[in-house]
Amino acid sequence: MVVGDPGYWADHFKSIDDRLLARIIALWPQCLSVLPGSPEEDEITLNLRSLLTKDAEARLIFYYLEYQFEPEGFTPEGLAFSKGQIDLAVLLDQGCTRYLAYECKRLNVYYNGARQSLATPYVNEGVKRFVTEQYAEGLPVGCMLGYVLDGDVSFAQGRVHAAITANKDAIALTNGPDSASPIASIERFTTDHTRPASGELIHVRHSLLPFPAQAMPKNQADSYG
């Protein structure tokens, strides 16, 4: 929850995202060097977070960088409960009510020689959590970070755009996807959504982070889910 001019806070969160992504791409080769060949989402995120918290420039951006951050919800009686676990959260104060949330998802994953885009889970198990206010409740900006495991960012972005359009009603899409300026090799775009419970808008910033390009398996088939 933020108090004051929502436009100010939206701009502030966007600035944080720009600065953090610049540090992520600077540290990305080091992160890749310690990851296994086919890393799981949690392995990538945890190692990336570890590098960021040790980086002097990155530490100027946040009060704390939390892995698997659990935002609180409250029952009508005031009983606190966990609303789930946000993959990565840039905490701006001790109260942990002002934060920039990053939901991280793998894209272009190979199973038995076939490439699965995983664009639909990216939308329904990622973007949708911002729209329902499971994550970033009362906050104007949320972020998606897509790990493109085969380096084919163009394919990943096309499938994510298609999944967003196909699920536009479920995620209350009001604008986008709109292109945003890349940061080095990180391709970016944005979407806007109206939250049904509050009627407020949330601006979601999408960043696709490429792994090194991998050779396509023979007889490769694509799955678009």
C-alpha atoms as a PDB file:
ATOM      1  CA  MET A   1       0.000   0.000   0.000  1.00  0.00           C
ATOM      2  CA  VAL A   2       1.262   3.467  -0.857  1.00  0.00           C
ATOM      3  CA  VAL A   3       0.118   6.813   0.518  1.00  0.00           C
ATOM      4  CA  GLY A   4       0.300  10.009  -1.512  1.00  0.00           C
ATOM      5  CA  ASP A   5       0.404  10.704  -5.220  1.00  0.00           C
ATOM      6  CA  PRO A   6      -0.002   7.348  -7.020  1.00  0.00           C
ATOM      7  CA  GLY A   7       1.693   8.817 -10.090  1.00  0.00           C
ATOM      8  CA  TYR A   8       4.807   9.542  -8.060  1.00  0.00           C
ATOM      9  CA  TRP A   9       4.940   5.982  -6.746  1.00  0.00           C
ATOM     10  CA  ALA A  10       4.344   4.474 -10.177  1.00  0.00           C
ATOM     11  CA  ASP A  11       7.258   6.484 -11.596  1.00  0.00           C
ATOM     12  CA  HIS A  12       9.416   5.543  -8.595  1.00  0.00           C
ATOM     13  CA  PHE A  13       8.746   1.826  -9.062  1.00  0.00           C
ATOM     14  CA  LYS A  14       9.472   2.077 -12.797  1.00  0.00           C
ATOM     15  CA  SER A  15      12.798   3.756 -12.047  1.00  0.00           C
ATOM     16  CA  ILE A  16      13.684   0.976  -9.598  1.00  0.00           C
ATOM     17  CA  ASP A  17      12.880  -1.635 -12.221  1.00  0.00           C
ATOM     18  CA  ASP A  18      15.102   0.074 -14.810  1.00  0.00           C
ATOM     19  CA  ARG A  19      18.016   0.302 -12.389  1.00  0.00           C
ATOM     20  CA  LEU A  20      17.655  -3.249 -11.094  1.00  0.00           C
ATOM     21  CA  LEU A  21      17.467  -4.724 -14.595  1.00  0.00           C
ATOM     22  CA  ALA A  22      20.686  -2.899 -15.495  1.00  0.00           C
ATOM     23  CA  ARG A  23      22.418  -4.617 -12.590  1.00  0.00           C
ATOM     24  CA  ILE A  24      20.825  -7.988 -13.416  1.00  0.00           C
ATOM     25  CA  ILE A  25      22.188  -7.950 -16.955  1.00  0.00           C
ATOM     26  CA  ALA A  26      25.618  -6.857 -15.664  1.00  0.00           C
ATOM     27  CA  LEU A  27      25.682  -9.827 -13.275  1.00  0.00           C
ATOM     28  CA  TRP A  28      24.007 -12.273 -15.648  1.00  0.00           C
ATOM     29  CA  PRO A  29      27.202 -13.914 -17.004  1.00  0.00           C
ATOM     30  CA  GLN A  30      28.324 -14.626 -13.448  1.00  0.00           C
ATOM     31  CA  CYS A  31      24.922 -16.094 -12.606  1.00  0.00           C
ATOM     32  CA  LEU A  32      24.977 -18.317 -15.692  1.00  0.00           C
ATOM     33  CA  SER A  33      28.426 -19.621 -14.801  1.00  0.00           C
ATOM     34  CA  VAL A  34      27.163 -21.340 -11.636  1.00  0.00           C
ATOM     35  CA  LEU A  35      23.832 -22.661 -12.918  1.00  0.00           C
ATOM     36  CA  PRO A  36      23.334 -26.248 -14.121  1.00  0.00           C
ATOM     37  CA  GLY A  37      22.525 -26.967 -17.746  1.00  0.00           C
ATOM     38  CA  SER A  38      18.733 -27.018 -17.335  1.00  0.00           C
ATOM     39  CA  PRO A  39      18.098 -24.954 -14.212  1.00  0.00           C
ATOM     40  CA  GLU A  40      14.850 -24.818 -12.333  1.00  0.00           C
ATOM     41  CA  GLU A  41      13.130 -21.486 -11.783  1.00  0.00           C
ATOM     42  CA  ASP A  42      14.032 -21.361  -8.092  1.00  0.00           C
ATOM     43  CA  GLU A  43      17.703 -22.110  -8.790  1.00  0.00           C
ATOM     44  CA  ILE A  44      17.915 -19.191 -11.197  1.00  0.00           C
ATOM     45  CA  THR A  45      16.101 -16.738  -8.947  1.00  0.00           C
ATOM     46  CA  LEU A  46      17.937 -17.664  -5.756  1.00  0.00           C
ATOM     47  CA  ASN A  47      21.357 -17.364  -7.383  1.00  0.00           C
ATOM     48  CA  LEU A  48      20.417 -14.094  -9.042  1.00  0.00           C
ATOM     49  CA  ARG A  49      19.210 -12.703  -5.739  1.00  0.00           C
ATOM     50  CA  SER A  50      22.424 -13.815  -4.018  1.00  0.00           C
ATOM     51  CA  LEU A  51      24.545 -11.925  -6.558  1.00  0.00           C
ATOM     52  CA  LEU A  52      22.401  -8.792  -6.359  1.00  0.00           C
ATOM     53  CA  THR A  53      22.616  -8.605  -2.566  1.00  0.00           C
ATOM     54  CA  LYS A  54      26.430  -8.750  -2.787  1.00  0.00           C
ATOM     55  CA  ASP A  55      26.633  -6.104  -5.516  1.00  0.00           C
ATOM     56  CA  ALA A  56      27.494  -2.619  -4.231  1.00  0.00           C
ATOM     57  CA  GLU A  57      25.575  -0.800  -6.971  1.00  0.00           C
ATOM     58  CA  ALA A  58      22.488  -2.983  -6.614  1.00  0.00           C
ATOM     59  CA  ARG A  59      22.382  -2.475  -2.837  1.00  0.00           C
ATOM     60  CA  LEU A  60      21.839   1.257  -3.399  1.00  0.00           C
ATOM     61  CA  ILE A  61      18.461   0.453  -4.993  1.00  0.00           C
ATOM     62  CA  PHE A  62      16.664  -1.383  -2.181  1.00  0.00           C
ATOM     63  CA  TYR A  63      16.271  -1.612   1.579  1.00  0.00           C
ATOM     64  CA  TYR A  64      16.269  -5.399   1.230  1.00  0.00           C
ATOM     65  CA  LEU A  65      15.850  -7.900  -1.595  1.00  0.00           C
ATOM     66  CA  GLU A  66      13.670 -10.783  -0.447  1.00  0.00           C
ATOM     67  CA  TYR A  67      13.472 -14.219  -2.067  1.00  0.00           C
ATOM     68  CA  GLN A  68      10.079 -15.952  -1.674  1.00  0.00           C
ATOM     69  CA  PHE A  69       8.532 -12.918   0.023  1.00  0.00           C
ATOM     70  CA  GLU A  70       5.159 -13.652   1.664  1.00  0.00           C
ATOM     71  CA  PRO A  71       2.741 -10.688   1.609  1.00  0.00           C
ATOM     72  CA  GLU A  72       0.101 -10.702   4.328  1.00  0.00           C
ATOM     73  CA  GLY A  73      -3.647 -10.789   3.885  1.00  0.00           C
ATOM     74  CA  PHE A  74      -6.188 -10.258   6.635  1.00  0.00           C
ATOM     75  CA  THR A  75      -9.562 -11.812   7.389  1.00  0.00           C
ATOM     76  CA  PRO A  76     -12.494  -9.530   8.321  1.00  0.00           C
ATOM     77  CA  GLU A  77     -11.632 -10.347  11.953  1.00  0.00           C
ATOM     78  CA  GLY A  78      -8.085  -9.084  11.467  1.00  0.00           C
ATOM     79  CA  LEU A  79      -6.367 -12.476  11.382  1.00  0.00           C
ATOM     80  CA  ALA A  80      -3.211 -12.352   9.248  1.00  0.00           C
ATOM     81  CA  PHE A  81      -2.518 -15.043   6.666  1.00  0.00           C
ATOM     82  CA  SER A  82      -0.006 -15.647   3.878  1.00  0.00           C
ATOM     83  CA  LYS A  83      -1.130 -14.724   0.348  1.00  0.00           C
ATOM     84  CA  GLY A  84       1.539 -16.897  -1.243  1.00  0.00           C
ATOM     85  CA  GLN A  85       5.186 -16.406  -2.105  1.00  0.00           C
ATOM     86  CA  ILE A  86       6.460 -13.735  -4.474  1.00  0.00           C
ATOM     87  CA  ASP A  87       9.609 -14.957  -6.202  1.00  0.00           C
ATOM     88  CA  LEU A  88      11.559 -11.741  -5.665  1.00  0.00           C
ATOM     89  CA  ALA A  89      10.559  -8.525  -3.904  1.00  0.00           C
ATOM     90  CA  VAL A  90      12.408  -5.219  -3.709  1.00  0.00           C
ATOM     91  CA  LEU A  91      11.511  -3.999  -0.218  1.00  0.00           C
ATOM     92  CA  LEU A  92      11.640  -0.252   0.318  1.00  0.00           C
ATOM     93  CA  ASP A  93      11.057  -0.047   4.078  1.00  0.00           C
ATOM     94  CA  GLN A  94      10.920  -2.090   7.271  1.00  0.00           C
ATOM     95  CA  GLY A  95       7.135  -2.288   7.143  1.00  0.00           C
ATOM     96  CA  CYS A  96       7.313  -4.406   3.969  1.00  0.00           C
ATOM     97  CA  THR A  97       4.169  -2.750   2.597  1.00  0.00           C
ATOM     98  CA  ARG A  98       5.946  -0.846  -0.165  1.00  0.00           C
ATOM     99  CA  TYR A  99       7.704  -3.222  -2.490  1.00  0.00           C
ATOM    100  CA  LEU A 100       8.254  -3.973  -6.145  1.00  0.00           C
ATOM    101  CA  ALA A 101       7.279  -7.570  -6.855  1.00  0.00           C
ATOM    102  CA  TYR A 102       8.922  -9.787  -9.462  1.00  0.00           C
ATOM    103  CA  GLU A 103       7.165 -12.970 -10.495  1.00  0.00           C
ATOM    104  CA  CYS A 104       9.673 -15.169 -12.337  1.00  0.00           C
ATOM    105  CA  LYS A 105       8.815 -17.811 -14.932  1.00  0.00           C
ATOM    106  CA  ARG A 106      10.772 -20.073 -17.255  1.00  0.00           C
ATOM    107  CA  LEU A 107       9.959 -19.897 -20.962  1.00  0.00           C
ATOM    108  CA  ASN A 108      10.944 -22.109 -23.916  1.00  0.00           C
ATOM    109  CA  VAL A 109      11.603 -25.252 -21.907  1.00  0.00           C
ATOM    110  CA  TYR A 110      12.383 -28.585 -23.586  1.00  0.00           C
ATOM    111  CA  TYR A 111      10.629 -31.797 -22.570  1.00  0.00           C
ATOM    112  CA  ASN A 112      11.455 -35.010 -24.459  1.00  0.00           C
ATOM    113  CA  GLY A 113      12.864 -33.000 -27.366  1.00  0.00           C
ATOM    114  CA  ALA A 114       9.851 -30.721 -27.746  1.00  0.00           C
ATOM    115  CA  ARG A 115       9.893 -27.033 -26.928  1.00  0.00           C
ATOM    116  CA  GLN A 116       7.114 -25.836 -24.656  1.00  0.00           C
ATOM    117  CA  SER A 117       6.702 -22.089 -24.537  1.00  0.00           C
ATOM    118  CA  LEU A 118       5.020 -22.115 -21.062  1.00  0.00           C
ATOM    119  CA  ALA A 119       3.440 -18.813 -22.083  1.00  0.00           C
ATOM    120  CA  THR A 120       0.027 -19.758 -20.705  1.00  0.00           C
ATOM    121  CA  PRO A 121       1.328 -20.506 -17.177  1.00  0.00           C
ATOM    122  CA  TYR A 122       3.324 -17.265 -17.415  1.00  0.00           C
ATOM    123  CA  VAL A 123       0.015 -15.431 -17.799  1.00  0.00           C
ATOM    124  CA  ASN A 124      -2.337 -17.472 -15.607  1.00  0.00           C
ATOM    125  CA  GLU A 125       0.118 -18.254 -12.800  1.00  0.00           C
ATOM    126  CA  GLY A 126       2.050 -14.999 -12.998  1.00  0.00           C
ATOM    127  CA  VAL A 127       0.351 -11.935 -14.458  1.00  0.00           C
ATOM    128  CA  LYS A 128      -3.042 -12.921 -13.061  1.00  0.00           C
ATOM    129  CA  ARG A 129      -1.724 -12.837  -9.483  1.00  0.00           C
ATOM    130  CA  PHE A 130      -1.095  -9.109  -9.841  1.00  0.00           C
ATOM    131  CA  VAL A 131      -4.580  -8.549 -11.238  1.00  0.00           C
ATOM    132  CA  THR A 132      -6.307 -10.419  -8.397  1.00  0.00           C
ATOM    133  CA  GLU A 133      -4.118  -8.567  -5.855  1.00  0.00           C
ATOM    134  CA  GLN A 134      -2.752 -11.807  -4.497  1.00  0.00           C
ATOM    135  CA  TYR A 135       0.512  -9.964  -5.086  1.00  0.00           C
ATOM    136  CA  ALA A 136       1.248  -6.218  -4.886  1.00  0.00           C
ATOM    137  CA  GLU A 137      -2.103  -5.386  -3.281  1.00  0.00           C
ATOM    138  CA  GLY A 138      -2.691  -1.626  -3.370  1.00  0.00           C
ATOM    139  CA  LEU A 139       0.512  -1.064  -5.362  1.00  0.00           C
ATOM    140  CA  PRO A 140       0.540   0.478  -8.865  1.00  0.00           C
ATOM    141  CA  VAL A 141       3.289  -1.583 -10.528  1.00  0.00           C
ATOM    142  CA  GLY A 142       4.260  -5.246 -10.738  1.00  0.00           C
ATOM    143  CA  CYS A 143       6.994  -6.987 -12.743  1.00  0.00           C
ATOM    144  CA  MET A 144       7.328 -10.239 -14.641  1.00  0.00           C
ATOM    145  CA  LEU A 145      10.763 -11.717 -15.325  1.00  0.00           C
ATOM    146  CA  GLY A 146      10.855 -14.405 -17.999  1.00  0.00           C
ATOM    147  CA  TYR A 147      13.865 -16.712 -18.168  1.00  0.00           C
ATOM    148  CA  VAL A 148      14.158 -17.700 -21.855  1.00  0.00           C
ATOM    149  CA  LEU A 149      16.044 -20.967 -21.526  1.00  0.00           C
ATOM    150  CA  ASP A 150      16.863 -21.541 -25.201  1.00  0.00           C
ATOM    151  CA  GLY A 151      17.762 -17.923 -25.958  1.00  0.00           C
ATOM    152  CA  ASP A 152      14.961 -17.545 -28.535  1.00  0.00           C
ATOM    153  CA  VAL A 153      13.500 -14.335 -27.130  1.00  0.00           C
ATOM    154  CA  SER A 154      11.531 -13.542 -30.290  1.00  0.00           C
ATOM    155  CA  PHE A 155       9.617 -16.830 -30.075  1.00  0.00           C
ATOM    156  CA  ALA A 156       9.042 -16.433 -26.323  1.00  0.00           C
ATOM    157  CA  GLN A 157       7.753 -12.895 -26.699  1.00  0.00           C
ATOM    158  CA  GLY A 158       5.403 -13.860 -29.531  1.00  0.00           C
ATOM    159  CA  ARG A 159       3.890 -16.707 -27.535  1.00  0.00           C
ATOM    160  CA  VAL A 160       3.515 -14.594 -24.376  1.00  0.00           C
ATOM    161  CA  HIS A 161       1.806 -11.829 -26.372  1.00  0.00           C
ATOM    162  CA  ALA A 162      -0.558 -14.417 -27.852  1.00  0.00           C
ATOM    163  CA  ALA A 163      -1.324 -15.885 -24.397  1.00  0.00           C
ATOM    164  CA  ILE A 164      -2.039 -12.432 -22.992  1.00  0.00           C
ATOM    165  CA  THR A 165      -4.465 -11.712 -25.824  1.00  0.00           C
ATOM    166  CA  ALA A 166      -6.125 -15.128 -25.524  1.00  0.00           C
ATOM    167  CA  ASN A 167      -6.658 -14.604 -21.782  1.00  0.00           C
ATOM    168  CA  LYS A 168      -7.398 -10.867 -21.893  1.00  0.00           C
ATOM    169  CA  ASP A 169     -10.732 -11.180 -20.079  1.00  0.00           C
ATOM    170  CA  ALA A 170      -9.314 -13.366 -17.309  1.00  0.00           C
ATOM    171  CA  ILE A 171      -6.546 -10.833 -16.662  1.00  0.00           C
ATOM    172  CA  ALA A 172      -8.750  -7.749 -17.202  1.00  0.00           C
ATOM    173  CA  LEU A 173      -6.423  -6.367 -19.858  1.00  0.00           C
ATOM    174  CA  THR A 174      -7.022  -2.692 -20.607  1.00  0.00           C
ATOM    175  CA  ASN A 175      -3.922  -1.850 -22.639  1.00  0.00           C
ATOM    176  CA  GLY A 176      -1.009  -3.562 -24.339  1.00  0.00           C
ATOM    177  CA  PRO A 177       1.140  -5.442 -24.859  1.00  0.00           C
ATOM    178  CA  ASP A 178       3.180  -2.330 -25.699  1.00  0.00           C
ATOM    179  CA  SER A 179       6.872  -2.351 -26.536  1.00  0.00           C
ATOM    180  CA  ALA A 180       9.326  -0.823 -24.066  1.00  0.00           C
ATOM    181  CA  SER A 181      12.961   0.083 -24.514  1.00  0.00           C
ATOM    182  CA  PRO A 182      15.280  -2.914 -24.102  1.00  0.00           C
ATOM    183  CA  ILE A 183      18.071  -2.919 -21.551  1.00  0.00           C
ATOM    184  CA  ALA A 184      21.050  -4.529 -23.271  1.00  0.00           C
ATOM    185  CA  SER A 185      19.807  -8.014 -24.265  1.00  0.00           C
ATOM    186  CA  ILE A 186      16.688  -7.837 -22.063  1.00  0.00           C
ATOM    187  CA  GLU A 187      13.612  -7.367 -24.252  1.00  0.00           C
ATOM    188  CA  ARG A 188      10.734  -5.563 -22.536  1.00  0.00           C
ATOM    189  CA  PHE A 189       7.058  -4.754 -22.966  1.00  0.00           C
ATOM    190  CA  THR A 190       4.207  -3.557 -20.731  1.00  0.00           C
ATOM    191  CA  THR A 191       0.550  -4.283 -20.070  1.00  0.00           C
ATOM    192  CA  ASP A 192      -2.133  -2.494 -18.040  1.00  0.00           C
ATOM    193  CA  HIS A 193      -4.955  -4.182 -16.160  1.00  0.00           C
ATOM    194  CA  THR A 194      -8.004  -3.150 -14.139  1.00  0.00           C
ATOM    195  CA  ARG A 195      -8.202  -4.962 -10.829  1.00  0.00           C
ATOM    196  CA  PRO A 196     -11.782  -6.256 -10.428  1.00  0.00           C
ATOM    197  CA  ALA A 197     -11.890  -6.036  -6.632  1.00  0.00           C
ATOM    198  CA  SER A 198     -10.739  -2.412  -6.326  1.00  0.00           C
ATOM    199  CA  GLY A 199     -11.235  -0.998  -9.820  1.00  0.00           C
ATOM    200  CA  GLU A 200      -7.664   0.308  -9.685  1.00  0.00           C
ATOM    201  CA  LEU A 201      -5.154  -0.025 -12.495  1.00  0.00           C
ATOM    202  CA  ILE A 202      -1.945  -1.981 -12.253  1.00  0.00           C
ATOM    203  CA  HIS A 203       0.906  -1.514 -14.700  1.00  0.00           C
ATOM    204  CA  VAL A 204       2.835  -4.738 -15.348  1.00  0.00           C
ATOM    205  CA  ARG A 205       6.360  -4.562 -16.766  1.00  0.00           C
ATOM    206  CA  HIS A 206       7.589  -7.657 -18.594  1.00  0.00           C
ATOM    207  CA  SER A 207      11.294  -8.407 -19.085  1.00  0.00           C
ATOM    208  CA  LEU A 208      12.626 -11.409 -21.019  1.00  0.00           C
ATOM    209  CA  LEU A 209      16.101 -12.452 -19.958  1.00  0.00           C
ATOM    210  CA  PRO A 210      17.916 -14.694 -22.461  1.00  0.00           C
ATOM    211  CA  PHE A 211      20.043 -17.690 -21.685  1.00  0.00           C
ATOM    212  CA  PRO A 212      22.722 -18.564 -24.267  1.00  0.00           C
ATOM    213  CA  ALA A 213      21.177 -19.911 -27.473  1.00  0.00           C
ATOM    214  CA  GLN A 214      20.953 -23.698 -27.515  1.00  0.00           C
ATOM    215  CA  ALA A 215      20.980 -26.011 -30.506  1.00  0.00           C
ATOM    216  CA  MET A 216      17.464 -27.125 -31.439  1.00  0.00           C
ATOM    217  CA  PRO A 217      16.926 -30.885 -30.965  1.00  0.00           C
ATOM    218  CA  LYS A 218      16.322 -32.891 -34.113  1.00  0.00           C
ATOM    219  CA  ASN A 219      12.650 -33.396 -35.037  1.00  0.00           C
ATOM    220  CA  GLN A 220      11.835 -30.580 -32.625  1.00  0.00           C
ATOM    221  CA  ALA A 221       8.163 -29.783 -32.216  1.00  0.00           C
ATOM    222  CA  ASP A 222       6.736 -26.707 -30.560  1.00  0.00           C
ATOM    223  CA  SER A 223       4.071 -26.649 -27.889  1.00  0.00           C
ATOM    224  CA  TYR A 224       2.385 -23.299 -27.481  1.00  0.00           C
ATOM    225  CA  GLY A 225       1.025 -23.689 -23.966  1.00  0.00           C
END
